[in-house]
N, C-alpha and C. Protein backbone atom coordinates (compact mmCIF):
# COMPACT_ATOMS: atom_id res chain seq x y z
N MET A 1 -16.37 0.83 12.99
CA MET A 1 -15.65 -0.40 12.91
C MET A 1 -14.31 -0.34 13.65
N LYS A 2 -14.05 -1.28 14.43
CA LYS A 2 -12.85 -1.27 15.28
C LYS A 2 -11.60 -1.82 14.46
N SER A 3 -10.56 -1.04 14.43
CA SER A 3 -9.35 -1.51 13.74
C SER A 3 -8.65 -2.50 14.63
N THR A 4 -8.06 -3.51 13.94
CA THR A 4 -7.29 -4.58 14.56
C THR A 4 -5.80 -4.28 14.43
N HIS A 5 -5.41 -3.12 13.85
CA HIS A 5 -4.04 -2.83 13.61
C HIS A 5 -3.66 -1.39 14.05
N SER A 6 -2.44 -1.23 14.39
CA SER A 6 -2.02 0.16 14.70
C SER A 6 -2.05 1.08 13.44
N THR A 7 -2.78 2.16 13.55
CA THR A 7 -2.89 3.07 12.41
C THR A 7 -1.58 3.64 11.97
N LEU A 8 -0.70 3.97 12.93
CA LEU A 8 0.59 4.57 12.67
C LEU A 8 1.48 3.55 11.91
N LYS A 9 1.45 2.31 12.25
CA LYS A 9 2.22 1.31 11.60
C LYS A 9 1.77 1.08 10.15
N LEU A 10 0.46 1.23 9.87
CA LEU A 10 -0.16 0.93 8.56
C LEU A 10 -0.03 2.12 7.55
N GLN A 11 0.19 3.30 8.01
CA GLN A 11 0.21 4.49 7.20
C GLN A 11 1.16 4.46 6.05
N ASN A 12 2.28 3.79 6.30
CA ASN A 12 3.37 3.70 5.24
C ASN A 12 3.26 2.59 4.31
N LYS A 13 2.19 1.81 4.36
CA LYS A 13 1.98 0.63 3.55
C LYS A 13 1.33 1.00 2.22
N ILE A 14 1.55 0.23 1.23
CA ILE A 14 0.89 0.38 -0.06
C ILE A 14 0.16 -0.92 -0.30
N ILE A 15 -1.11 -0.75 -0.64
CA ILE A 15 -1.96 -1.89 -0.93
C ILE A 15 -1.52 -2.55 -2.17
N ALA A 16 -1.51 -3.89 -2.20
CA ALA A 16 -1.11 -4.69 -3.38
C ALA A 16 -2.24 -5.62 -3.77
N ASP A 17 -2.71 -5.46 -4.96
CA ASP A 17 -3.85 -6.18 -5.49
C ASP A 17 -3.36 -7.42 -6.28
N THR A 18 -4.31 -8.30 -6.49
CA THR A 18 -4.07 -9.54 -7.22
C THR A 18 -3.35 -9.28 -8.58
N GLY A 19 -3.81 -8.42 -9.39
CA GLY A 19 -3.29 -8.08 -10.70
C GLY A 19 -1.81 -7.81 -10.66
N PHE A 20 -1.48 -6.98 -9.60
CA PHE A 20 -0.02 -6.56 -9.49
C PHE A 20 0.83 -7.82 -9.20
N TRP A 21 0.33 -8.63 -8.26
CA TRP A 21 1.15 -9.83 -7.93
C TRP A 21 1.32 -10.77 -9.07
N VAL A 22 0.13 -10.92 -9.88
CA VAL A 22 0.21 -11.81 -11.02
C VAL A 22 1.23 -11.25 -12.08
N ALA A 23 1.17 -9.91 -12.25
CA ALA A 23 2.08 -9.25 -13.18
C ALA A 23 3.59 -9.44 -12.70
N VAL A 24 3.79 -9.30 -11.46
CA VAL A 24 5.17 -9.52 -10.96
C VAL A 24 5.59 -11.00 -11.19
N GLY A 25 4.71 -11.86 -10.97
CA GLY A 25 5.02 -13.33 -11.05
C GLY A 25 4.97 -13.98 -12.39
N SER A 26 4.53 -13.24 -13.36
CA SER A 26 4.29 -13.86 -14.66
C SER A 26 4.98 -13.05 -15.79
N LYS A 27 6.04 -13.61 -16.35
CA LYS A 27 6.77 -12.88 -17.41
C LYS A 27 5.88 -12.67 -18.64
N LYS A 28 4.86 -13.49 -18.77
CA LYS A 28 3.94 -13.46 -19.92
C LYS A 28 2.92 -12.38 -19.77
N ASP A 29 2.73 -11.82 -18.58
CA ASP A 29 1.76 -10.84 -18.29
C ASP A 29 2.11 -9.54 -19.01
N SER A 30 1.14 -8.90 -19.57
CA SER A 30 1.44 -7.62 -20.29
C SER A 30 1.89 -6.48 -19.37
N PHE A 31 1.69 -6.58 -18.09
CA PHE A 31 2.10 -5.61 -17.10
C PHE A 31 3.41 -6.00 -16.37
N HIS A 32 3.97 -7.14 -16.68
CA HIS A 32 5.08 -7.62 -15.96
C HIS A 32 6.26 -6.65 -15.82
N ASP A 33 6.77 -6.08 -16.96
CA ASP A 33 7.91 -5.18 -16.88
C ASP A 33 7.59 -3.96 -16.04
N LEU A 34 6.35 -3.42 -16.29
CA LEU A 34 6.04 -2.17 -15.57
C LEU A 34 5.90 -2.56 -14.08
N ALA A 35 5.29 -3.66 -13.73
CA ALA A 35 5.16 -4.02 -12.28
C ALA A 35 6.47 -4.15 -11.58
N ILE A 36 7.42 -4.76 -12.26
CA ILE A 36 8.81 -4.96 -11.73
C ILE A 36 9.47 -3.58 -11.54
N LYS A 37 9.33 -2.74 -12.55
CA LYS A 37 9.92 -1.38 -12.55
C LYS A 37 9.35 -0.57 -11.39
N VAL A 38 8.10 -0.55 -11.29
CA VAL A 38 7.37 0.20 -10.23
C VAL A 38 7.72 -0.24 -8.90
N ALA A 39 7.72 -1.56 -8.73
CA ALA A 39 8.05 -2.21 -7.40
C ALA A 39 9.44 -1.79 -6.97
N ARG A 40 10.35 -1.83 -7.87
CA ARG A 40 11.74 -1.46 -7.55
C ARG A 40 11.87 0.07 -7.32
N SER A 41 11.19 0.86 -8.08
CA SER A 41 11.29 2.32 -7.98
C SER A 41 10.65 2.85 -6.61
N LEU A 42 9.64 2.21 -6.30
CA LEU A 42 8.84 2.76 -5.11
C LEU A 42 9.53 2.26 -3.79
N GLN A 43 10.14 1.14 -3.89
CA GLN A 43 10.71 0.46 -2.75
C GLN A 43 9.61 0.52 -1.64
N PHE A 44 8.45 0.01 -2.03
CA PHE A 44 7.26 0.03 -1.20
C PHE A 44 7.27 -0.98 -0.09
N ASP A 45 6.42 -0.76 0.90
CA ASP A 45 6.21 -1.65 1.92
C ASP A 45 4.77 -2.21 1.68
N PRO A 46 4.61 -3.39 1.00
CA PRO A 46 3.28 -3.85 0.60
C PRO A 46 2.45 -4.43 1.78
N ILE A 47 1.18 -4.28 1.61
CA ILE A 47 0.25 -4.96 2.52
C ILE A 47 -0.89 -5.55 1.57
N THR A 48 -1.37 -6.66 1.97
CA THR A 48 -2.42 -7.25 1.17
C THR A 48 -3.33 -8.10 2.20
N THR A 49 -4.23 -8.90 1.57
CA THR A 49 -5.19 -9.66 2.41
C THR A 49 -5.18 -11.17 1.97
N TRP A 50 -5.60 -12.01 2.82
CA TRP A 50 -5.65 -13.38 2.43
C TRP A 50 -6.51 -13.70 1.25
N PRO A 51 -7.68 -12.98 1.01
CA PRO A 51 -8.38 -13.30 -0.20
C PRO A 51 -7.57 -12.92 -1.41
N VAL A 52 -6.72 -11.86 -1.47
CA VAL A 52 -5.88 -11.53 -2.56
C VAL A 52 -4.82 -12.62 -2.75
N ILE A 53 -4.24 -13.09 -1.60
CA ILE A 53 -3.20 -14.20 -1.72
C ILE A 53 -3.86 -15.41 -2.36
N THR A 54 -5.01 -15.71 -1.91
CA THR A 54 -5.73 -16.93 -2.47
C THR A 54 -6.01 -16.80 -3.98
N GLU A 55 -6.51 -15.59 -4.35
CA GLU A 55 -6.82 -15.38 -5.80
C GLU A 55 -5.52 -15.38 -6.61
N THR A 56 -4.47 -14.77 -6.08
CA THR A 56 -3.18 -14.76 -6.84
C THR A 56 -2.62 -16.12 -6.99
N SER A 57 -2.66 -16.86 -5.97
CA SER A 57 -2.13 -18.25 -6.03
C SER A 57 -2.92 -19.10 -7.02
N TYR A 58 -4.24 -18.96 -7.00
CA TYR A 58 -5.07 -19.68 -7.97
C TYR A 58 -4.72 -19.25 -9.42
N LEU A 59 -4.65 -17.97 -9.70
CA LEU A 59 -4.37 -17.48 -11.02
C LEU A 59 -3.02 -17.81 -11.50
N LEU A 60 -2.01 -17.72 -10.61
CA LEU A 60 -0.67 -18.11 -11.15
C LEU A 60 -0.60 -19.59 -11.37
N GLN A 61 -1.23 -20.41 -10.56
CA GLN A 61 -1.20 -21.87 -10.84
C GLN A 61 -1.97 -22.18 -12.04
N LYS A 62 -3.06 -21.60 -12.34
CA LYS A 62 -3.92 -21.82 -13.51
C LYS A 62 -3.07 -21.39 -14.79
N LYS A 63 -2.41 -20.27 -14.69
CA LYS A 63 -1.75 -19.70 -15.91
C LYS A 63 -0.35 -20.30 -16.12
N GLN A 64 0.28 -20.69 -15.05
CA GLN A 64 1.72 -20.99 -15.19
C GLN A 64 2.09 -22.29 -14.56
N GLY A 65 1.21 -22.89 -13.73
CA GLY A 65 1.54 -24.11 -13.02
C GLY A 65 1.87 -23.92 -11.54
N VAL A 66 2.02 -25.04 -10.90
CA VAL A 66 2.17 -25.08 -9.44
C VAL A 66 3.43 -24.33 -9.00
N GLN A 67 4.45 -24.45 -9.82
CA GLN A 67 5.72 -23.78 -9.40
C GLN A 67 5.53 -22.27 -9.29
N ALA A 68 4.82 -21.58 -10.16
CA ALA A 68 4.61 -20.16 -10.06
C ALA A 68 3.87 -19.77 -8.80
N ALA A 69 2.85 -20.55 -8.39
CA ALA A 69 2.11 -20.41 -7.20
C ALA A 69 2.99 -20.59 -5.98
N ASP A 70 3.82 -21.65 -6.02
CA ASP A 70 4.73 -21.90 -4.96
C ASP A 70 5.72 -20.75 -4.76
N THR A 71 6.28 -20.38 -5.87
CA THR A 71 7.30 -19.22 -5.80
C THR A 71 6.66 -17.96 -5.21
N PHE A 72 5.42 -17.72 -5.55
CA PHE A 72 4.67 -16.46 -4.98
C PHE A 72 4.46 -16.72 -3.44
N LEU A 73 4.01 -17.75 -3.07
CA LEU A 73 3.82 -18.12 -1.63
C LEU A 73 5.12 -18.10 -0.83
N PHE A 74 6.15 -18.65 -1.45
CA PHE A 74 7.50 -18.68 -0.80
C PHE A 74 7.99 -17.18 -0.62
N SER A 75 7.78 -16.36 -1.64
CA SER A 75 8.21 -15.01 -1.51
C SER A 75 7.51 -14.24 -0.37
N ILE A 76 6.24 -14.58 -0.21
CA ILE A 76 5.48 -13.99 0.90
C ILE A 76 6.00 -14.49 2.30
N GLU A 77 6.22 -15.82 2.27
CA GLU A 77 6.80 -16.37 3.44
C GLU A 77 8.06 -15.84 3.92
N GLN A 78 9.01 -15.50 2.95
CA GLN A 78 10.27 -14.95 3.26
C GLN A 78 10.26 -13.43 3.42
N SER A 79 9.24 -12.74 3.07
CA SER A 79 9.20 -11.26 3.21
C SER A 79 8.69 -10.93 4.62
N GLU A 80 8.68 -9.65 4.82
CA GLU A 80 8.10 -9.09 6.06
C GLU A 80 6.80 -8.42 5.74
N MET A 81 6.13 -8.76 4.57
CA MET A 81 4.97 -8.20 4.07
C MET A 81 3.86 -8.46 5.15
N GLU A 82 3.12 -7.46 5.46
CA GLU A 82 2.03 -7.66 6.42
C GLU A 82 0.79 -8.08 5.64
N ILE A 83 0.10 -9.04 6.25
CA ILE A 83 -1.23 -9.53 5.71
C ILE A 83 -2.30 -9.04 6.64
N PHE A 84 -3.11 -8.18 6.10
CA PHE A 84 -4.24 -7.64 6.92
C PHE A 84 -5.26 -8.71 7.21
N GLN A 85 -5.63 -8.84 8.46
CA GLN A 85 -6.59 -9.88 8.91
C GLN A 85 -8.01 -9.31 8.86
N LEU A 86 -8.75 -9.87 8.00
CA LEU A 86 -10.16 -9.55 8.00
C LEU A 86 -10.80 -10.26 9.26
N GLU A 87 -11.75 -9.56 9.88
CA GLU A 87 -12.41 -10.12 11.04
C GLU A 87 -13.87 -10.21 10.82
N SER A 88 -14.60 -10.92 11.59
CA SER A 88 -16.04 -11.08 11.43
C SER A 88 -16.77 -9.72 11.42
N VAL A 89 -16.16 -8.78 12.17
CA VAL A 89 -16.80 -7.41 12.14
C VAL A 89 -16.80 -6.76 10.80
N HIS A 90 -15.97 -7.23 9.85
CA HIS A 90 -15.87 -6.62 8.50
C HIS A 90 -16.92 -7.21 7.60
N LEU A 91 -17.58 -8.37 8.00
CA LEU A 91 -18.47 -9.02 7.00
C LEU A 91 -19.65 -8.17 6.51
N GLY A 92 -20.21 -7.36 7.42
CA GLY A 92 -21.29 -6.57 7.01
C GLY A 92 -20.88 -5.51 5.96
N ARG A 93 -19.77 -4.90 6.18
CA ARG A 93 -19.22 -3.97 5.16
C ARG A 93 -18.94 -4.64 3.88
N ILE A 94 -18.33 -5.82 3.93
CA ILE A 94 -17.99 -6.58 2.75
C ILE A 94 -19.29 -6.83 1.92
N ARG A 95 -20.28 -7.30 2.66
CA ARG A 95 -21.59 -7.54 1.96
C ARG A 95 -22.12 -6.30 1.38
N GLU A 96 -22.05 -5.19 2.10
CA GLU A 96 -22.54 -3.93 1.61
C GLU A 96 -21.81 -3.56 0.35
N LEU A 97 -20.50 -3.69 0.29
CA LEU A 97 -19.63 -3.30 -0.85
C LEU A 97 -19.96 -4.22 -2.08
N ILE A 98 -20.11 -5.51 -1.90
CA ILE A 98 -20.36 -6.46 -2.91
C ILE A 98 -21.71 -6.20 -3.60
N ASN A 99 -22.72 -5.82 -2.75
CA ASN A 99 -23.98 -5.43 -3.32
C ASN A 99 -23.97 -4.08 -3.96
N LYS A 100 -23.28 -3.12 -3.42
CA LYS A 100 -23.14 -1.86 -4.07
C LYS A 100 -22.56 -1.89 -5.44
N TYR A 101 -21.46 -2.70 -5.61
CA TYR A 101 -20.76 -2.78 -6.86
C TYR A 101 -21.12 -4.13 -7.56
N ALA A 102 -22.29 -4.54 -7.38
CA ALA A 102 -22.72 -5.86 -8.16
C ALA A 102 -22.70 -5.71 -9.61
N GLY A 103 -22.80 -4.55 -10.16
CA GLY A 103 -22.77 -4.34 -11.59
C GLY A 103 -21.40 -4.52 -12.22
N LEU A 104 -20.27 -4.57 -11.42
CA LEU A 104 -18.99 -4.68 -11.97
C LEU A 104 -18.62 -6.15 -12.25
N PRO A 105 -18.81 -7.12 -11.51
CA PRO A 105 -19.10 -7.17 -10.08
C PRO A 105 -17.87 -7.09 -9.19
N MET A 106 -18.02 -6.89 -7.93
CA MET A 106 -16.95 -6.86 -7.03
C MET A 106 -16.85 -8.21 -6.30
N ASP A 107 -15.60 -8.75 -6.18
CA ASP A 107 -15.40 -10.01 -5.60
C ASP A 107 -14.89 -9.79 -4.13
N LEU A 108 -14.75 -10.88 -3.42
CA LEU A 108 -14.26 -10.83 -2.03
C LEU A 108 -12.88 -10.20 -1.91
N ALA A 109 -11.95 -10.57 -2.90
CA ALA A 109 -10.64 -9.98 -2.83
C ALA A 109 -10.70 -8.45 -2.95
N ASP A 110 -11.38 -7.92 -3.91
CA ASP A 110 -11.54 -6.46 -3.99
C ASP A 110 -12.18 -5.82 -2.84
N ALA A 111 -13.23 -6.43 -2.35
CA ALA A 111 -13.95 -5.93 -1.16
C ALA A 111 -13.00 -5.83 0.04
N SER A 112 -12.11 -6.86 0.11
CA SER A 112 -11.16 -6.90 1.23
C SER A 112 -10.19 -5.76 1.15
N LEU A 113 -9.79 -5.29 -0.11
CA LEU A 113 -8.93 -4.15 -0.27
C LEU A 113 -9.59 -2.86 -0.02
N VAL A 114 -10.85 -2.75 -0.24
CA VAL A 114 -11.59 -1.51 0.13
C VAL A 114 -11.63 -1.42 1.76
N ILE A 115 -11.88 -2.52 2.35
CA ILE A 115 -11.80 -2.52 3.82
C ILE A 115 -10.45 -2.14 4.30
N LEU A 116 -9.47 -2.66 3.67
CA LEU A 116 -8.05 -2.38 4.02
C LEU A 116 -7.82 -0.88 3.86
N ALA A 117 -8.21 -0.35 2.79
CA ALA A 117 -8.02 1.15 2.50
C ALA A 117 -8.75 1.94 3.59
N GLU A 118 -9.87 1.52 4.09
CA GLU A 118 -10.60 2.18 5.04
C GLU A 118 -9.90 2.08 6.41
N GLU A 119 -9.22 0.96 6.72
CA GLU A 119 -8.44 0.79 7.86
C GLU A 119 -7.14 1.65 7.83
N LEU A 120 -6.50 1.66 6.62
CA LEU A 120 -5.30 2.43 6.51
C LEU A 120 -5.48 3.91 6.54
N GLY A 121 -6.68 4.38 6.04
CA GLY A 121 -6.92 5.76 5.86
C GLY A 121 -6.38 6.37 4.59
N HIS A 122 -6.03 5.46 3.61
CA HIS A 122 -5.66 5.89 2.32
C HIS A 122 -5.87 4.77 1.29
N GLY A 123 -5.91 5.22 0.00
CA GLY A 123 -6.19 4.23 -1.00
C GLY A 123 -5.06 4.12 -1.96
N ARG A 124 -3.85 4.19 -1.56
CA ARG A 124 -2.70 4.05 -2.46
C ARG A 124 -2.61 2.52 -2.79
N ILE A 125 -2.69 2.19 -4.08
CA ILE A 125 -2.81 0.80 -4.46
C ILE A 125 -1.87 0.57 -5.61
N LEU A 126 -1.51 -0.68 -5.78
CA LEU A 126 -0.77 -1.23 -6.96
C LEU A 126 -1.77 -2.24 -7.53
N SER A 127 -2.30 -1.89 -8.75
CA SER A 127 -3.29 -2.78 -9.36
C SER A 127 -3.27 -2.61 -10.89
N THR A 128 -3.53 -3.75 -11.61
CA THR A 128 -3.72 -3.69 -13.06
C THR A 128 -5.17 -3.54 -13.39
N ASP A 129 -5.99 -3.55 -12.39
CA ASP A 129 -7.44 -3.48 -12.58
C ASP A 129 -7.88 -1.99 -12.67
N GLN A 130 -7.75 -1.50 -13.88
CA GLN A 130 -7.96 -0.06 -14.16
C GLN A 130 -9.47 0.26 -13.90
N ARG A 131 -10.37 -0.40 -14.43
CA ARG A 131 -11.85 -0.11 -14.41
C ARG A 131 -12.31 -0.13 -12.95
N ASP A 132 -12.12 -1.28 -12.25
CA ASP A 132 -12.72 -1.39 -10.95
C ASP A 132 -12.09 -0.41 -9.89
N PHE A 133 -10.81 -0.32 -9.85
CA PHE A 133 -10.25 0.58 -8.81
C PHE A 133 -10.32 2.03 -9.18
N ARG A 134 -10.80 2.39 -10.41
CA ARG A 134 -11.19 3.75 -10.75
C ARG A 134 -12.63 4.01 -10.19
N THR A 135 -13.45 2.95 -10.11
CA THR A 135 -14.79 3.04 -9.72
C THR A 135 -15.02 2.96 -8.15
N TYR A 136 -14.34 1.98 -7.56
CA TYR A 136 -14.47 1.70 -6.13
C TYR A 136 -14.13 3.01 -5.29
N ARG A 137 -14.82 3.12 -4.20
CA ARG A 137 -14.57 4.19 -3.26
C ARG A 137 -14.44 3.65 -1.87
N TRP A 138 -13.42 4.05 -1.13
CA TRP A 138 -13.35 3.62 0.26
C TRP A 138 -13.90 4.75 1.13
N LYS A 139 -14.51 4.45 2.20
CA LYS A 139 -15.28 5.38 3.04
C LYS A 139 -16.42 5.96 2.17
N ASN A 140 -16.82 5.24 1.19
CA ASN A 140 -17.98 5.62 0.31
C ASN A 140 -17.70 6.75 -0.63
N HIS A 141 -16.60 7.50 -0.48
CA HIS A 141 -16.40 8.69 -1.42
C HIS A 141 -14.89 8.87 -1.81
N GLN A 142 -14.05 8.21 -1.10
CA GLN A 142 -12.66 8.44 -1.40
C GLN A 142 -12.09 7.50 -2.46
N PRO A 143 -11.51 8.14 -3.53
CA PRO A 143 -11.02 7.35 -4.70
C PRO A 143 -9.67 6.69 -4.35
N PHE A 144 -9.44 5.62 -5.07
CA PHE A 144 -8.15 4.90 -4.98
C PHE A 144 -7.09 5.70 -5.82
N GLU A 145 -5.81 5.68 -5.43
CA GLU A 145 -4.76 6.22 -6.21
C GLU A 145 -3.92 5.07 -6.68
N ASN A 146 -3.98 4.73 -7.91
CA ASN A 146 -3.27 3.55 -8.51
C ASN A 146 -1.85 4.00 -8.85
N LEU A 147 -0.90 3.54 -8.06
CA LEU A 147 0.54 3.82 -8.25
C LEU A 147 1.15 3.06 -9.37
N LEU A 148 0.50 2.01 -9.80
CA LEU A 148 1.07 1.23 -10.90
C LEU A 148 0.63 1.91 -12.21
N LEU A 149 -0.65 2.29 -12.36
CA LEU A 149 -1.18 2.87 -13.57
C LEU A 149 -1.79 4.24 -13.18
N PRO A 150 -0.97 5.23 -12.90
CA PRO A 150 -1.48 6.51 -12.40
C PRO A 150 -2.32 7.31 -13.41
N ASP A 151 -2.11 7.09 -14.67
CA ASP A 151 -2.85 7.85 -15.66
C ASP A 151 -4.11 7.17 -16.18
N SER A 152 -4.40 6.04 -15.54
CA SER A 152 -5.59 5.23 -16.01
C SER A 152 -6.86 5.81 -15.50
């Protein structure tokens, strides 16, 4: 699979999942305080995908209203966060992953993060999804390292 990004530029990035963004954006979320604390302590350089942004916007709007989704999108617009661009070349691998993890099931947002980990060459992630990201493997055998919930 051909990378569309400079590997050196991406190595210092930390993958940010939907659950992390929802926790940051929702004071009612049980992981909110932890997500804020970890985000501040890591001083991370996040990277995510459009499917994650779409899913996060939907969940924030559903749980808290349009203003929460707008605040999230505005924060992305104002930040220098990189958004990994999925390409048509990734579709075969996405389909393979969704079928492999059908029992969980895996959605497009999660599959996009596995692709991202494969492109980055690491699985450092911020996620509230303990079950799935303990199960998923990038490059078929490499586990994710959840920096938000490291003991999960």
